[in-house]
């Protein structure tokens, strides 16, 4: 089963037959109380989207688990070096790192049995998208979680 939603179609034979739109799946997760979001690339650097997204989601009441091997905390919240170190299974893995790092994150998610990934704009690549599709992930790409959470009630 093909599970992607792409705002911008990629010229990749693995992604040419988009048959299932994932926005409703992610909207349901975002609307649910207690949704846990692992934010890969979270940081305290205000010039980076990892900081903006972290503060936006926590302000909106989401439980955000910062994932960054170079940080002990983000916004006063304990940071985790990788997905395997998280205190539980995240409902959504939100990726705001370069595509080559995102591919490693996706590989670790697969090993852990986590299959719900949201790629922020700029975090996607044809290789990463092909990996997600080939391994039956539910995912969104080229869509901003901050924008989506404005229209989804939490």
C-alpha atoms as a PDB file:
ATOM      1  CA  UNK A   1       0.000   0.000   0.000  1.00  0.00           C
ATOM      2  CA  UNK A   2       1.324   3.451  -0.905  1.00  0.00           C
ATOM      3  CA  UNK A   3       1.004   5.846   2.024  1.00  0.00           C
ATOM      4  CA  UNK A   4       2.507   9.232   1.165  1.00  0.00           C
ATOM      5  CA  UNK A   5       1.106  12.673   0.859  1.00  0.00           C
ATOM      6  CA  UNK A   6       3.280  15.023  -1.083  1.00  0.00           C
ATOM      7  CA  UNK A   7       2.503  18.653  -1.561  1.00  0.00           C
ATOM      8  CA  UNK A   8       5.158  18.698  -4.260  1.00  0.00           C
ATOM      9  CA  UNK A   9       5.378  15.555  -6.406  1.00  0.00           C
ATOM     10  CA  UNK A  10       8.832  14.061  -6.876  1.00  0.00           C
ATOM     11  CA  UNK A  11       9.945  12.549 -10.167  1.00  0.00           C
ATOM     12  CA  UNK A  12      10.645   9.152  -8.644  1.00  0.00           C
ATOM     13  CA  UNK A  13       9.135   5.920  -9.985  1.00  0.00           C
ATOM     14  CA  UNK A  14       8.571   4.660  -6.438  1.00  0.00           C
ATOM     15  CA  UNK A  15       6.406   7.681  -5.689  1.00  0.00           C
ATOM     16  CA  UNK A  16       4.545   8.103  -8.955  1.00  0.00           C
ATOM     17  CA  UNK A  17       1.322   6.403  -7.829  1.00  0.00           C
ATOM     18  CA  UNK A  18       0.088   8.256  -4.800  1.00  0.00           C
ATOM     19  CA  UNK A  19      -3.118   6.442  -3.856  1.00  0.00           C
ATOM     20  CA  UNK A  20      -3.659   7.379  -0.234  1.00  0.00           C
ATOM     21  CA  UNK A  21      -3.611  10.872   1.219  1.00  0.00           C
ATOM     22  CA  UNK A  22      -2.215  10.864   4.771  1.00  0.00           C
ATOM     23  CA  UNK A  23      -3.411  14.250   6.010  1.00  0.00           C
ATOM     24  CA  UNK A  24      -6.491  12.754   7.780  1.00  0.00           C
ATOM     25  CA  UNK A  25      -4.270  10.273   9.649  1.00  0.00           C
ATOM     26  CA  UNK A  26      -2.015  13.037  10.896  1.00  0.00           C
ATOM     27  CA  UNK A  27      -4.950  15.347  11.666  1.00  0.00           C
ATOM     28  CA  UNK A  28      -6.427  12.623  13.866  1.00  0.00           C
ATOM     29  CA  UNK A  29      -3.130  12.239  15.717  1.00  0.00           C
ATOM     30  CA  UNK A  30      -2.747  16.001  16.143  1.00  0.00           C
ATOM     31  CA  UNK A  31      -6.301  16.362  17.464  1.00  0.00           C
ATOM     32  CA  UNK A  32      -5.928  13.625  20.059  1.00  0.00           C
ATOM     33  CA  UNK A  33      -5.127  14.694  23.636  1.00  0.00           C
ATOM     34  CA  UNK A  34      -1.759  13.441  24.839  1.00  0.00           C
ATOM     35  CA  UNK A  35      -0.161  13.191  21.397  1.00  0.00           C
ATOM     36  CA  UNK A  36       3.588  12.689  21.757  1.00  0.00           C
ATOM     37  CA  UNK A  37       5.801  14.234  19.096  1.00  0.00           C
ATOM     38  CA  UNK A  38       9.495  13.390  18.764  1.00  0.00           C
ATOM     39  CA  UNK A  39      11.094  16.466  17.212  1.00  0.00           C
ATOM     40  CA  UNK A  40      14.321  15.403  15.512  1.00  0.00           C
ATOM     41  CA  UNK A  41      16.505  18.477  15.190  1.00  0.00           C
ATOM     42  CA  UNK A  42      15.061  20.338  18.166  1.00  0.00           C
ATOM     43  CA  UNK A  43      17.374  23.076  19.404  1.00  0.00           C
ATOM     44  CA  UNK A  44      17.536  26.230  21.506  1.00  0.00           C
ATOM     45  CA  UNK A  45      19.075  28.185  18.619  1.00  0.00           C
ATOM     46  CA  UNK A  46      16.342  30.736  17.795  1.00  0.00           C
ATOM     47  CA  UNK A  47      17.660  31.057  14.219  1.00  0.00           C
ATOM     48  CA  UNK A  48      16.752  27.426  13.459  1.00  0.00           C
ATOM     49  CA  UNK A  49      13.372  25.885  12.677  1.00  0.00           C
ATOM     50  CA  UNK A  50      14.025  23.181  15.285  1.00  0.00           C
ATOM     51  CA  UNK A  51      13.630  25.879  17.940  1.00  0.00           C
ATOM     52  CA  UNK A  52      10.630  27.579  16.355  1.00  0.00           C
ATOM     53  CA  UNK A  53       8.763  24.288  15.908  1.00  0.00           C
ATOM     54  CA  UNK A  54       9.609  23.124  19.446  1.00  0.00           C
ATOM     55  CA  UNK A  55       8.261  26.294  21.048  1.00  0.00           C
ATOM     56  CA  UNK A  56       5.212  26.429  18.767  1.00  0.00           C
ATOM     57  CA  UNK A  57       4.153  22.844  19.522  1.00  0.00           C
ATOM     58  CA  UNK A  58       4.755  23.098  23.272  1.00  0.00           C
ATOM     59  CA  UNK A  59       2.778  26.371  23.360  1.00  0.00           C
ATOM     60  CA  UNK A  60      -0.087  24.530  21.680  1.00  0.00           C
ATOM     61  CA  UNK A  61      -0.036  21.870  24.408  1.00  0.00           C
ATOM     62  CA  UNK A  62       1.690  18.974  22.649  1.00  0.00           C
ATOM     63  CA  UNK A  63       4.104  16.733  24.516  1.00  0.00           C
ATOM     64  CA  UNK A  64       7.312  17.270  22.559  1.00  0.00           C
ATOM     65  CA  UNK A  65      10.355  15.050  23.009  1.00  0.00           C
ATOM     66  CA  UNK A  66      13.403  16.911  21.666  1.00  0.00           C
ATOM     67  CA  UNK A  67      15.814  14.640  19.771  1.00  0.00           C
ATOM     68  CA  UNK A  68      19.291  16.076  19.317  1.00  0.00           C
ATOM     69  CA  UNK A  69      22.541  14.271  20.180  1.00  0.00           C
ATOM     70  CA  UNK A  70      24.244  17.630  20.806  1.00  0.00           C
ATOM     71  CA  UNK A  71      21.806  18.966  23.427  1.00  0.00           C
ATOM     72  CA  UNK A  72      21.046  17.917  27.019  1.00  0.00           C
ATOM     73  CA  UNK A  73      17.905  20.063  27.092  1.00  0.00           C
ATOM     74  CA  UNK A  74      15.801  22.127  24.716  1.00  0.00           C
ATOM     75  CA  UNK A  75      13.566  24.809  26.195  1.00  0.00           C
ATOM     76  CA  UNK A  76      14.189  23.318  29.628  1.00  0.00           C
ATOM     77  CA  UNK A  77      12.953  19.878  28.496  1.00  0.00           C
ATOM     78  CA  UNK A  78      15.264  16.859  28.551  1.00  0.00           C
ATOM     79  CA  UNK A  79      16.650  16.135  25.081  1.00  0.00           C
ATOM     80  CA  UNK A  80      17.359  12.646  23.797  1.00  0.00           C
ATOM     81  CA  UNK A  81      20.282  11.663  21.563  1.00  0.00           C
ATOM     82  CA  UNK A  82      18.203   9.402  19.308  1.00  0.00           C
ATOM     83  CA  UNK A  83      14.832   7.701  18.935  1.00  0.00           C
ATOM     84  CA  UNK A  84      15.945   4.633  20.897  1.00  0.00           C
ATOM     85  CA  UNK A  85      16.491   6.834  23.974  1.00  0.00           C
ATOM     86  CA  UNK A  86      12.947   8.217  24.084  1.00  0.00           C
ATOM     87  CA  UNK A  87      10.824   7.403  27.162  1.00  0.00           C
ATOM     88  CA  UNK A  88       8.151   5.758  24.992  1.00  0.00           C
ATOM     89  CA  UNK A  89       6.795   5.419  21.480  1.00  0.00           C
ATOM     90  CA  UNK A  90       6.076   8.762  19.806  1.00  0.00           C
ATOM     91  CA  UNK A  91       2.830   9.214  17.916  1.00  0.00           C
ATOM     92  CA  UNK A  92       4.626  11.353  15.318  1.00  0.00           C
ATOM     93  CA  UNK A  93       8.298  11.708  14.471  1.00  0.00           C
ATOM     94  CA  UNK A  94       8.729  15.231  13.107  1.00  0.00           C
ATOM     95  CA  UNK A  95      11.982  15.619  11.181  1.00  0.00           C
ATOM     96  CA  UNK A  96      13.668  18.998  10.750  1.00  0.00           C
ATOM     97  CA  UNK A  97      17.205  17.912   9.832  1.00  0.00           C
ATOM     98  CA  UNK A  98      18.991  17.528   6.474  1.00  0.00           C
ATOM     99  CA  UNK A  99      17.789  14.602   4.344  1.00  0.00           C
ATOM    100  CA  UNK A 100      20.911  12.470   4.894  1.00  0.00           C
ATOM    101  CA  UNK A 101      20.396  12.663   8.664  1.00  0.00           C
ATOM    102  CA  UNK A 102      16.663  12.095   8.159  1.00  0.00           C
ATOM    103  CA  UNK A 103      17.401   8.879   6.300  1.00  0.00           C
ATOM    104  CA  UNK A 104      19.368   7.577   9.300  1.00  0.00           C
ATOM    105  CA  UNK A 105      16.495   8.613  11.572  1.00  0.00           C
ATOM    106  CA  UNK A 106      14.047   6.736   9.321  1.00  0.00           C
ATOM    107  CA  UNK A 107      16.243   3.629   9.455  1.00  0.00           C
ATOM    108  CA  UNK A 108      16.270   3.772  13.246  1.00  0.00           C
ATOM    109  CA  UNK A 109      12.502   4.344  13.319  1.00  0.00           C
ATOM    110  CA  UNK A 110      12.035   1.237  11.185  1.00  0.00           C
ATOM    111  CA  UNK A 111      14.208  -0.826  13.546  1.00  0.00           C
ATOM    112  CA  UNK A 112      12.137   0.413  16.499  1.00  0.00           C
ATOM    113  CA  UNK A 113       8.803  -0.203  14.793  1.00  0.00           C
ATOM    114  CA  UNK A 114       7.884   3.481  14.561  1.00  0.00           C
ATOM    115  CA  UNK A 115       6.137   4.171  11.259  1.00  0.00           C
ATOM    116  CA  UNK A 116       4.611   7.669  11.472  1.00  0.00           C
ATOM    117  CA  UNK A 117       6.983  10.331  10.122  1.00  0.00           C
ATOM    118  CA  UNK A 118       6.446  13.968   9.217  1.00  0.00           C
ATOM    119  CA  UNK A 119       9.169  15.588   7.106  1.00  0.00           C
ATOM    120  CA  UNK A 120       9.357  19.359   7.385  1.00  0.00           C
ATOM    121  CA  UNK A 121       9.984  21.257   4.129  1.00  0.00           C
ATOM    122  CA  UNK A 122      13.637  20.839   3.211  1.00  0.00           C
ATOM    123  CA  UNK A 123      14.048  17.594   5.165  1.00  0.00           C
ATOM    124  CA  UNK A 124      12.951  15.415   2.245  1.00  0.00           C
ATOM    125  CA  UNK A 125      14.902  13.883  -0.605  1.00  0.00           C
ATOM    126  CA  UNK A 126      13.992  11.337  -3.261  1.00  0.00           C
ATOM    127  CA  UNK A 127      16.044   8.692  -1.419  1.00  0.00           C
ATOM    128  CA  UNK A 128      14.372   9.356   1.923  1.00  0.00           C
ATOM    129  CA  UNK A 129      10.898   9.378   0.407  1.00  0.00           C
ATOM    130  CA  UNK A 130      11.596   6.122  -1.441  1.00  0.00           C
ATOM    131  CA  UNK A 131      12.798   4.541   1.831  1.00  0.00           C
ATOM    132  CA  UNK A 132       9.647   5.613   3.670  1.00  0.00           C
ATOM    133  CA  UNK A 133       7.388   4.303   0.931  1.00  0.00           C
ATOM    134  CA  UNK A 134       9.261   1.049   0.404  1.00  0.00           C
ATOM    135  CA  UNK A 135       9.054   0.322   4.138  1.00  0.00           C
ATOM    136  CA  UNK A 136       5.337   1.113   4.452  1.00  0.00           C
ATOM    137  CA  UNK A 137       5.613   4.239   6.615  1.00  0.00           C
ATOM    138  CA  UNK A 138       2.713   6.610   7.076  1.00  0.00           C
ATOM    139  CA  UNK A 139       4.283   9.948   6.288  1.00  0.00           C
ATOM    140  CA  UNK A 140       3.874  13.519   5.177  1.00  0.00           C
ATOM    141  CA  UNK A 141       6.490  15.483   3.266  1.00  0.00           C
ATOM    142  CA  UNK A 142       6.892  19.122   2.313  1.00  0.00           C
ATOM    143  CA  UNK A 143       4.254  20.219   4.816  1.00  0.00           C
ATOM    144  CA  UNK A 144       4.789  22.276   7.964  1.00  0.00           C
ATOM    145  CA  UNK A 145       3.459  20.875  11.231  1.00  0.00           C
ATOM    146  CA  UNK A 146       3.113  24.405  12.652  1.00  0.00           C
ATOM    147  CA  UNK A 147       0.759  25.388   9.852  1.00  0.00           C
ATOM    148  CA  UNK A 148      -1.278  22.186  10.165  1.00  0.00           C
ATOM    149  CA  UNK A 149      -1.697  22.534  13.937  1.00  0.00           C
ATOM    150  CA  UNK A 150      -3.302  25.941  13.383  1.00  0.00           C
ATOM    151  CA  UNK A 151      -6.312  24.255  11.774  1.00  0.00           C
ATOM    152  CA  UNK A 152      -6.493  21.079  13.876  1.00  0.00           C
ATOM    153  CA  UNK A 153      -8.129  21.323  17.289  1.00  0.00           C
ATOM    154  CA  UNK A 154      -6.039  19.847  20.106  1.00  0.00           C
END
